[in-house]
Amino acid sequence: MTKKTLVVYLHGFRSSPNSTKAVLTGNAIKALLTDLHAYEWYCPQLLASPKESIAMVENYIDASNAESLVIMGSSLGGFYANYLTEKYQCKGVALNPAVRAARELAPHVGLMTWYDSNLPLDFRSEYVDELKALQVEAITNPTRYFLMAAKGDELLDWKEMAEFYDSAQQLVLEGSDHGISGYADHLPAVIEFIQASIIS
């Protein structure tokens, strides 16, 4: 009987499912299908509202018939991944995560556009409060987590990430950047962690 793992990927602030990391990861996950195990890939376009984004993802997860679950997230998506990983007690992968998203995004309240389109994004002050409500102060089981952090991240502090995920599996990259240039070279480590999750 084939078992199934649902892999959820949550993109970063102003990003989309078309981001380089999302596409590369999705292609790698879709190539993992075997006779004994199937992988379902879910990478939605997140909404401006953190509360609504989380509700949308939770509804999808709750309706899934997968036996196991892995939550991945990049930047703001990594912040969301913390919340969902703790809620569902599943495996979580954080890529240059914003561990304190309310603090990081408070200065960005206002009207802007999504990165890969001209569609407006109205990031409202109440969304900062929604982020505060989703804050995970400390992860409860570090063995559930895999952190990829770049020392060259120009937006977030890799040391804060490493401390937050203390005792978790970590891949700290020399140099690189917030978008993790060269991500394809490090993707096998992510896939290995995801595959290990189905037997742990």
C-alpha atoms as a PDB file:
ATOM      1  CA  MET A   1       0.000   0.000   0.000  1.00  0.00           C
ATOM      2  CA  THR A   2       1.412   3.352  -1.036  1.00  0.00           C
ATOM      3  CA  LYS A   3       1.809   5.902   1.728  1.00  0.00           C
ATOM      4  CA  LYS A   4       1.751   9.618   1.122  1.00  0.00           C
ATOM      5  CA  THR A   5       3.609  12.602   2.511  1.00  0.00           C
ATOM      6  CA  LEU A   6       2.210  16.087   2.033  1.00  0.00           C
ATOM      7  CA  VAL A   7       4.973  18.645   1.519  1.00  0.00           C
ATOM      8  CA  VAL A   8       3.815  22.229   2.035  1.00  0.00           C
ATOM      9  CA  TYR A   9       6.054  25.065   0.796  1.00  0.00           C
ATOM     10  CA  LEU A  10       5.380  28.628   1.970  1.00  0.00           C
ATOM     11  CA  HIS A  11       7.073  31.448   0.093  1.00  0.00           C
ATOM     12  CA  GLY A  12       8.424  34.682   1.538  1.00  0.00           C
ATOM     13  CA  PHE A  13       7.056  38.207   1.850  1.00  0.00           C
ATOM     14  CA  ARG A  14       5.956  39.642  -1.528  1.00  0.00           C
ATOM     15  CA  SER A  15       7.101  36.434  -3.226  1.00  0.00           C
ATOM     16  CA  SER A  16       5.156  33.672  -4.981  1.00  0.00           C
ATOM     17  CA  PRO A  17       5.076  29.952  -5.836  1.00  0.00           C
ATOM     18  CA  ASN A  18       7.170  30.907  -8.873  1.00  0.00           C
ATOM     19  CA  SER A  19      10.212  31.773  -6.756  1.00  0.00           C
ATOM     20  CA  THR A  20      13.396  29.931  -7.680  1.00  0.00           C
ATOM     21  CA  LYS A  21      13.571  27.946  -4.426  1.00  0.00           C
ATOM     22  CA  ALA A  22       9.910  26.949  -4.617  1.00  0.00           C
ATOM     23  CA  VAL A  23      10.190  25.742  -8.221  1.00  0.00           C
ATOM     24  CA  LEU A  24      13.450  23.850  -7.629  1.00  0.00           C
ATOM     25  CA  THR A  25      12.078  22.191  -4.494  1.00  0.00           C
ATOM     26  CA  GLY A  26       8.771  21.329  -6.143  1.00  0.00           C
ATOM     27  CA  ASN A  27      10.508  19.672  -9.078  1.00  0.00           C
ATOM     28  CA  ALA A  28      12.695  17.647  -6.709  1.00  0.00           C
ATOM     29  CA  ILE A  29       9.708  16.533  -4.608  1.00  0.00           C
ATOM     30  CA  LYS A  30       7.685  15.522  -7.653  1.00  0.00           C
ATOM     31  CA  ALA A  31      10.592  13.341  -8.804  1.00  0.00           C
ATOM     32  CA  LEU A  32      10.534  11.321  -5.568  1.00  0.00           C
ATOM     33  CA  LEU A  33       7.505   9.157  -6.391  1.00  0.00           C
ATOM     34  CA  THR A  34       8.138   5.462  -5.743  1.00  0.00           C
ATOM     35  CA  ASP A  35       5.989   2.338  -5.576  1.00  0.00           C
ATOM     36  CA  LEU A  36       5.955   2.544  -1.792  1.00  0.00           C
ATOM     37  CA  HIS A  37       5.661   6.260  -1.191  1.00  0.00           C
ATOM     38  CA  ALA A  38       4.010   9.227  -2.854  1.00  0.00           C
ATOM     39  CA  TYR A  39       4.615  12.910  -2.266  1.00  0.00           C
ATOM     40  CA  GLU A  40       1.948  15.566  -2.604  1.00  0.00           C
ATOM     41  CA  TRP A  41       3.228  19.076  -3.297  1.00  0.00           C
ATOM     42  CA  TYR A  42       1.290  22.124  -2.082  1.00  0.00           C
ATOM     43  CA  CYS A  43       2.750  25.564  -2.723  1.00  0.00           C
ATOM     44  CA  PRO A  44      -0.012  28.183  -2.607  1.00  0.00           C
ATOM     45  CA  GLN A  45       0.068  31.890  -3.349  1.00  0.00           C
ATOM     46  CA  LEU A  46      -0.104  33.325   0.142  1.00  0.00           C
ATOM     47  CA  LEU A  47      -2.344  36.253   0.984  1.00  0.00           C
ATOM     48  CA  ALA A  48      -1.470  39.654   2.401  1.00  0.00           C
ATOM     49  CA  SER A  49      -3.120  38.733   5.697  1.00  0.00           C
ATOM     50  CA  PRO A  50      -1.060  36.306   7.812  1.00  0.00           C
ATOM     51  CA  LYS A  51      -4.211  35.101   9.571  1.00  0.00           C
ATOM     52  CA  GLU A  52      -5.967  34.350   6.291  1.00  0.00           C
ATOM     53  CA  SER A  53      -2.851  32.716   4.841  1.00  0.00           C
ATOM     54  CA  ILE A  54      -2.536  30.350   7.788  1.00  0.00           C
ATOM     55  CA  ALA A  55      -6.257  29.517   7.692  1.00  0.00           C
ATOM     56  CA  MET A  56      -6.011  28.681   3.978  1.00  0.00           C
ATOM     57  CA  VAL A  57      -3.037  26.360   4.530  1.00  0.00           C
ATOM     58  CA  GLU A  58      -4.614  24.723   7.589  1.00  0.00           C
ATOM     59  CA  ASN A  59      -7.781  23.998   5.611  1.00  0.00           C
ATOM     60  CA  TYR A  60      -5.725  22.265   2.934  1.00  0.00           C
ATOM     61  CA  ILE A  61      -3.726  20.236   5.452  1.00  0.00           C
ATOM     62  CA  ASP A  62      -6.843  19.224   7.376  1.00  0.00           C
ATOM     63  CA  ALA A  63      -8.495  17.983   4.167  1.00  0.00           C
ATOM     64  CA  SER A  64      -5.463  15.941   3.110  1.00  0.00           C
ATOM     65  CA  ASN A  65      -5.368  12.174   3.466  1.00  0.00           C
ATOM     66  CA  ALA A  66      -1.566  12.066   3.710  1.00  0.00           C
ATOM     67  CA  GLU A  67      -0.035   9.940   6.463  1.00  0.00           C
ATOM     68  CA  SER A  68       2.789  12.390   7.120  1.00  0.00           C
ATOM     69  CA  LEU A  69       3.414  16.095   6.758  1.00  0.00           C
ATOM     70  CA  VAL A  70       6.429  18.333   6.132  1.00  0.00           C
ATOM     71  CA  ILE A  71       6.161  22.123   6.274  1.00  0.00           C
ATOM     72  CA  MET A  72       8.769  24.183   4.426  1.00  0.00           C
ATOM     73  CA  GLY A  73       9.103  27.936   4.442  1.00  0.00           C
ATOM     74  CA  SER A  74      11.419  30.678   3.203  1.00  0.00           C
ATOM     75  CA  SER A  75      11.839  33.968   5.083  1.00  0.00           C
ATOM     76  CA  LEU A  76       8.280  34.923   6.184  1.00  0.00           C
ATOM     77  CA  GLY A  77       7.237  31.460   5.046  1.00  0.00           C
ATOM     78  CA  GLY A  78       9.754  30.063   7.521  1.00  0.00           C
ATOM     79  CA  PHE A  79       8.005  31.992  10.276  1.00  0.00           C
ATOM     80  CA  TYR A  80       4.701  30.454   9.196  1.00  0.00           C
ATOM     81  CA  ALA A  81       6.370  27.043   9.051  1.00  0.00           C
ATOM     82  CA  ASN A  82       7.343  27.344  12.722  1.00  0.00           C
ATOM     83  CA  TYR A  83       3.739  27.919  13.730  1.00  0.00           C
ATOM     84  CA  LEU A  84       2.376  25.067  11.619  1.00  0.00           C
ATOM     85  CA  THR A  85       5.140  22.631  12.553  1.00  0.00           C
ATOM     86  CA  GLU A  86       4.370  23.199  16.219  1.00  0.00           C
ATOM     87  CA  LYS A  87       0.607  22.894  15.652  1.00  0.00           C
ATOM     88  CA  TYR A  88       0.792  19.659  13.671  1.00  0.00           C
ATOM     89  CA  GLN A  89       3.896  18.279  15.401  1.00  0.00           C
ATOM     90  CA  CYS A  90       5.406  17.436  12.029  1.00  0.00           C
ATOM     91  CA  LYS A  91       8.777  18.023  10.358  1.00  0.00           C
ATOM     92  CA  GLY A  92       9.704  21.596   9.438  1.00  0.00           C
ATOM     93  CA  VAL A  93      12.277  23.080   7.063  1.00  0.00           C
ATOM     94  CA  ALA A  94      13.216  26.755   7.467  1.00  0.00           C
ATOM     95  CA  LEU A  95      15.179  28.607   4.768  1.00  0.00           C
ATOM     96  CA  ASN A  96      16.589  31.918   6.033  1.00  0.00           C
ATOM     97  CA  PRO A  97      13.487  32.246   8.241  1.00  0.00           C
ATOM     98  CA  ALA A  98      12.201  35.446   9.788  1.00  0.00           C
ATOM     99  CA  VAL A  99      11.998  34.133  13.338  1.00  0.00           C
ATOM    100  CA  ARG A 100      10.524  37.473  14.529  1.00  0.00           C
ATOM    101  CA  ALA A 101       8.361  38.414  11.561  1.00  0.00           C
ATOM    102  CA  ALA A 102       6.300  41.110  13.297  1.00  0.00           C
ATOM    103  CA  ARG A 103       9.471  43.002  14.188  1.00  0.00           C
ATOM    104  CA  GLU A 104      10.931  42.586  10.703  1.00  0.00           C
ATOM    105  CA  LEU A 105       7.813  43.613   8.781  1.00  0.00           C
ATOM    106  CA  ALA A 106       6.471  46.426  10.977  1.00  0.00           C
ATOM    107  CA  PRO A 107       8.515  49.014   9.016  1.00  0.00           C
ATOM    108  CA  HIS A 108       6.993  47.777   5.747  1.00  0.00           C
ATOM    109  CA  VAL A 109       3.357  48.622   6.445  1.00  0.00           C
ATOM    110  CA  GLY A 110       1.853  50.285   3.387  1.00  0.00           C
ATOM    111  CA  LEU A 111       0.934  49.791  -0.250  1.00  0.00           C
ATOM    112  CA  MET A 112       3.403  47.986  -2.517  1.00  0.00           C
ATOM    113  CA  THR A 113       3.413  45.343  -5.238  1.00  0.00           C
ATOM    114  CA  TRP A 114       4.264  41.650  -5.334  1.00  0.00           C
ATOM    115  CA  TYR A 115       7.767  41.010  -6.674  1.00  0.00           C
ATOM    116  CA  ASP A 116       6.857  39.112  -9.837  1.00  0.00           C
ATOM    117  CA  SER A 117       3.751  41.066 -10.813  1.00  0.00           C
ATOM    118  CA  ASN A 118       2.286  44.545 -10.768  1.00  0.00           C
ATOM    119  CA  LEU A 119      -0.558  43.454  -8.534  1.00  0.00           C
ATOM    120  CA  PRO A 120      -0.952  45.623  -5.431  1.00  0.00           C
ATOM    121  CA  LEU A 121      -0.125  44.362  -1.970  1.00  0.00           C
ATOM    122  CA  ASP A 122      -1.655  46.344   0.867  1.00  0.00           C
ATOM    123  CA  PHE A 123       0.272  45.340   3.979  1.00  0.00           C
ATOM    124  CA  ARG A 124      -1.820  46.761   6.812  1.00  0.00           C
ATOM    125  CA  SER A 125      -0.858  47.557  10.383  1.00  0.00           C
ATOM    126  CA  GLU A 126      -3.290  44.931  11.704  1.00  0.00           C
ATOM    127  CA  TYR A 127      -1.263  42.307   9.852  1.00  0.00           C
ATOM    128  CA  VAL A 128       1.635  43.020  12.208  1.00  0.00           C
ATOM    129  CA  ASP A 129      -0.678  42.116  15.086  1.00  0.00           C
ATOM    130  CA  GLU A 130      -1.668  38.935  13.237  1.00  0.00           C
ATOM    131  CA  LEU A 131       2.018  38.033  12.990  1.00  0.00           C
ATOM    132  CA  LYS A 132       2.453  38.604  16.720  1.00  0.00           C
ATOM    133  CA  ALA A 133      -0.381  36.131  17.363  1.00  0.00           C
ATOM    134  CA  LEU A 134       1.462  33.492  15.316  1.00  0.00           C
ATOM    135  CA  GLN A 135       4.814  33.946  17.043  1.00  0.00           C
ATOM    136  CA  VAL A 136       6.506  30.775  18.259  1.00  0.00           C
ATOM    137  CA  GLU A 137       8.696  31.769  21.200  1.00  0.00           C
ATOM    138  CA  ALA A 138      10.643  28.508  21.236  1.00  0.00           C
ATOM    139  CA  ILE A 139      10.473  25.291  19.249  1.00  0.00           C
ATOM    140  CA  THR A 140       9.486  22.319  21.383  1.00  0.00           C
ATOM    141  CA  ASN A 141      11.304  19.519  19.563  1.00  0.00           C
ATOM    142  CA  PRO A 142      14.460  20.556  17.669  1.00  0.00           C
ATOM    143  CA  THR A 143      14.769  17.137  16.017  1.00  0.00           C
ATOM    144  CA  ARG A 144      11.717  18.016  13.923  1.00  0.00           C
ATOM    145  CA  TYR A 145      13.499  20.949  12.274  1.00  0.00           C
ATOM    146  CA  PHE A 146      16.042  21.576   9.536  1.00  0.00           C
ATOM    147  CA  LEU A 147      17.506  25.082   9.222  1.00  0.00           C
ATOM    148  CA  MET A 148      19.322  26.464   6.218  1.00  0.00           C
ATOM    149  CA  ALA A 149      20.816  29.850   7.039  1.00  0.00           C
ATOM    150  CA  ALA A 150      23.159  32.050   5.008  1.00  0.00           C
ATOM    151  CA  LYS A 151      25.786  34.110   6.797  1.00  0.00           C
ATOM    152  CA  GLY A 152      25.547  36.552   3.905  1.00  0.00           C
ATOM    153  CA  ASP A 153      21.824  37.178   4.390  1.00  0.00           C
ATOM    154  CA  GLU A 154      21.471  40.928   3.860  1.00  0.00           C
ATOM    155  CA  LEU A 155      18.016  41.169   5.453  1.00  0.00           C
ATOM    156  CA  LEU A 156      17.988  38.826   8.461  1.00  0.00           C
ATOM    157  CA  ASP A 157      20.496  37.820  11.144  1.00  0.00           C
ATOM    158  CA  TRP A 158      21.754  34.268  10.640  1.00  0.00           C
ATOM    159  CA  LYS A 159      23.013  34.154  14.229  1.00  0.00           C
ATOM    160  CA  GLU A 160      19.470  34.746  15.501  1.00  0.00           C
ATOM    161  CA  MET A 161      18.270  31.902  13.277  1.00  0.00           C
ATOM    162  CA  ALA A 162      20.973  29.533  14.520  1.00  0.00           C
ATOM    163  CA  GLU A 163      20.152  30.359  18.136  1.00  0.00           C
ATOM    164  CA  PHE A 164      16.400  29.965  17.617  1.00  0.00           C
ATOM    165  CA  TYR A 165      16.890  26.506  16.096  1.00  0.00           C
ATOM    166  CA  ASP A 166      19.540  25.472  18.597  1.00  0.00           C
ATOM    167  CA  SER A 167      20.020  21.675  18.635  1.00  0.00           C
ATOM    168  CA  ALA A 168      18.116  21.306  15.341  1.00  0.00           C
ATOM    169  CA  GLN A 169      19.801  20.025  12.196  1.00  0.00           C
ATOM    170  CA  GLN A 170      21.463  23.057  10.636  1.00  0.00           C
ATOM    171  CA  LEU A 171      23.202  23.893   7.379  1.00  0.00           C
ATOM    172  CA  VAL A 172      24.862  27.290   7.814  1.00  0.00           C
ATOM    173  CA  LEU A 173      26.218  28.618   4.543  1.00  0.00           C
ATOM    174  CA  GLU A 174      29.292  30.805   4.256  1.00  0.00           C
ATOM    175  CA  GLY A 175      28.392  33.893   2.272  1.00  0.00           C
ATOM    176  CA  SER A 176      25.355  33.448  -0.003  1.00  0.00           C
ATOM    177  CA  ASP A 177      22.421  35.856   0.473  1.00  0.00           C
ATOM    178  CA  HIS A 178      18.798  36.123   1.611  1.00  0.00           C
ATOM    179  CA  GLY A 179      17.557  34.384  -1.532  1.00  0.00           C
ATOM    180  CA  ILE A 180      20.158  31.609  -1.027  1.00  0.00           C
ATOM    181  CA  SER A 181      21.937  31.820  -4.357  1.00  0.00           C
ATOM    182  CA  GLY A 182      23.285  28.387  -5.118  1.00  0.00           C
ATOM    183  CA  TYR A 183      20.250  26.783  -3.460  1.00  0.00           C
ATOM    184  CA  ALA A 184      20.258  23.987  -6.036  1.00  0.00           C
ATOM    185  CA  ASP A 185      23.601  22.806  -4.657  1.00  0.00           C
ATOM    186  CA  HIS A 186      22.158  22.511  -1.145  1.00  0.00           C
ATOM    187  CA  LEU A 187      18.745  21.108  -2.098  1.00  0.00           C
ATOM    188  CA  PRO A 188      19.860  17.463  -1.711  1.00  0.00           C
ATOM    189  CA  ALA A 189      20.293  18.029   2.029  1.00  0.00           C
ATOM    190  CA  VAL A 190      16.698  19.269   2.228  1.00  0.00           C
ATOM    191  CA  ILE A 191      15.411  16.286   0.263  1.00  0.00           C
ATOM    192  CA  GLU A 192      17.351  13.895   2.492  1.00  0.00           C
ATOM    193  CA  PHE A 193      15.735  15.428   5.575  1.00  0.00           C
ATOM    194  CA  ILE A 194      12.262  15.193   4.022  1.00  0.00           C
ATOM    195  CA  GLN A 195      12.742  11.555   3.015  1.00  0.00           C
ATOM    196  CA  ALA A 196      14.020  10.701   6.495  1.00  0.00           C
ATOM    197  CA  SER A 197      10.841  12.171   7.967  1.00  0.00           C
ATOM    198  CA  ILE A 198       8.669   9.389   6.594  1.00  0.00           C
ATOM    199  CA  ILE A 199      10.404   6.756   8.698  1.00  0.00           C
ATOM    200  CA  SER A 200      11.078   8.756  11.856  1.00  0.00           C
END
